[in-house]
């Protein structure tokens, strides 16, 4: 099995305007997704805030993009990890939501 990172984008506007009962319902969907994933879910992840990009020269600027969180899963292949992402509740948060799926390579020498 290979590790993959889901990087969640979008949805912050929709979440900030949600009623408490809608937020509770959304969290129940996330928890159900986690239960469905079972042992394939290695790290449920967390929401993330605005970031800073640092260049090789030390220049700092606000990060591009709308990254809102991450999770780490295990799957047989990139295709399998992508297939799992298509049923993720994040994609139902708002029309602008997306999930990027990236393979995590083992660190050399570890």
Protein backbone atom coordinates (compact mmCIF):
# COMPACT_ATOMS: atom_id res chain seq x y z
CA UNK A 1 0.00 0.00 0.00
CA UNK A 2 1.10 3.53 -0.76
CA UNK A 3 0.47 6.72 1.19
CA UNK A 4 -1.38 9.63 -0.41
CA UNK A 5 -2.14 13.12 0.79
CA UNK A 6 -5.48 14.74 0.12
CA UNK A 7 -5.14 18.52 -0.02
CA UNK A 8 -8.50 20.22 0.35
CA UNK A 9 -9.20 23.54 -1.36
CA UNK A 10 -12.18 25.85 -1.18
CA UNK A 11 -15.22 25.91 1.00
CA UNK A 12 -14.15 28.50 3.56
CA UNK A 13 -16.81 30.99 2.44
CA UNK A 14 -19.54 28.36 2.59
CA UNK A 15 -18.40 27.15 6.01
CA UNK A 16 -18.21 30.65 7.47
CA UNK A 17 -21.87 31.26 6.61
CA UNK A 18 -23.18 27.86 7.75
CA UNK A 19 -25.74 27.61 10.49
CA UNK A 20 -24.56 25.57 13.50
CA UNK A 21 -26.88 22.68 12.60
CA UNK A 22 -25.49 22.59 9.04
CA UNK A 23 -21.92 22.57 10.39
CA UNK A 24 -22.84 19.70 12.72
CA UNK A 25 -24.36 17.78 9.80
CA UNK A 26 -21.23 18.35 7.70
CA UNK A 27 -18.99 17.10 10.52
CA UNK A 28 -21.13 13.96 10.82
CA UNK A 29 -20.50 13.33 7.10
CA UNK A 30 -16.75 13.74 7.64
CA UNK A 31 -16.81 11.33 10.58
CA UNK A 32 -18.81 8.80 8.54
CA UNK A 33 -16.22 9.13 5.75
CA UNK A 34 -13.45 8.46 8.27
CA UNK A 35 -15.24 5.38 9.57
CA UNK A 36 -15.80 4.12 6.01
CA UNK A 37 -12.08 4.53 5.26
CA UNK A 38 -11.17 2.49 8.34
CA UNK A 39 -7.49 1.56 8.52
CA UNK A 40 -6.84 3.20 5.12
CA UNK A 41 -7.17 6.58 6.86
CA UNK A 42 -3.73 7.14 8.38
CA UNK A 43 -4.21 10.77 9.48
CA UNK A 44 -7.68 12.36 9.53
CA UNK A 45 -5.89 15.67 9.12
CA UNK A 46 -6.93 19.15 10.13
CA UNK A 47 -8.12 22.42 8.67
CA UNK A 48 -5.33 24.86 7.82
CA UNK A 49 -5.23 28.64 7.67
CA UNK A 50 -3.60 31.11 5.31
CA UNK A 51 0.07 30.32 4.71
CA UNK A 52 3.27 32.05 3.70
CA UNK A 53 5.51 31.03 0.80
CA UNK A 54 9.25 31.46 1.36
CA UNK A 55 11.57 31.57 -1.68
CA UNK A 56 15.20 30.42 -1.83
CA UNK A 57 16.22 34.07 -1.48
CA UNK A 58 14.22 34.37 1.75
CA UNK A 59 11.43 36.45 0.22
CA UNK A 60 8.09 35.89 1.92
CA UNK A 61 4.64 36.33 0.39
CA UNK A 62 1.15 35.02 1.10
CA UNK A 63 0.69 31.52 -0.26
CA UNK A 64 -1.20 31.20 -3.51
CA UNK A 65 -4.27 29.05 -3.64
CA UNK A 66 -7.05 28.25 -1.26
CA UNK A 67 -5.71 25.28 0.72
CA UNK A 68 -8.09 24.58 3.59
CA UNK A 69 -6.93 21.23 4.99
CA UNK A 70 -5.40 17.82 4.46
CA UNK A 71 -5.75 14.09 5.20
CA UNK A 72 -3.40 11.16 4.63
CA UNK A 73 -4.72 7.85 3.34
CA UNK A 74 -3.35 4.56 2.14
CA UNK A 75 -4.35 3.07 -1.22
CA UNK A 76 -3.16 0.54 -3.77
CA UNK A 77 -2.52 3.19 -6.45
CA UNK A 78 -3.04 6.81 -7.40
CA UNK A 79 -6.13 5.75 -9.34
CA UNK A 80 -7.56 4.06 -6.21
CA UNK A 81 -6.80 7.14 -4.07
CA UNK A 82 -8.49 9.39 -6.63
CA UNK A 83 -11.52 7.08 -6.74
CA UNK A 84 -11.81 7.27 -2.93
CA UNK A 85 -11.68 11.08 -3.07
CA UNK A 86 -14.69 11.31 -5.38
CA UNK A 87 -17.08 10.40 -2.56
CA UNK A 88 -15.47 12.71 0.02
CA UNK A 89 -17.93 15.07 1.78
CA UNK A 90 -15.57 18.03 1.23
CA UNK A 91 -16.67 18.06 -2.41
CA UNK A 92 -20.25 18.75 -1.31
CA UNK A 93 -19.36 21.77 0.86
CA UNK A 94 -19.69 24.21 -2.04
CA UNK A 95 -19.28 24.27 -5.82
CA UNK A 96 -15.70 25.62 -5.57
CA UNK A 97 -14.32 22.78 -3.47
CA UNK A 98 -11.68 20.39 -4.77
CA UNK A 99 -9.26 17.73 -3.57
CA UNK A 100 -5.72 17.34 -4.91
CA UNK A 101 -4.34 13.83 -4.50
CA UNK A 102 -0.56 13.46 -4.12
CA UNK A 103 1.54 10.36 -3.57
CA UNK A 104 3.81 10.54 -0.53
CA UNK A 105 7.23 9.10 -1.31
CA UNK A 106 9.35 7.45 1.38
CA UNK A 107 12.15 9.69 2.62
CA UNK A 108 15.53 8.51 1.27
CA UNK A 109 17.44 6.49 3.84
CA UNK A 110 14.54 6.16 6.23
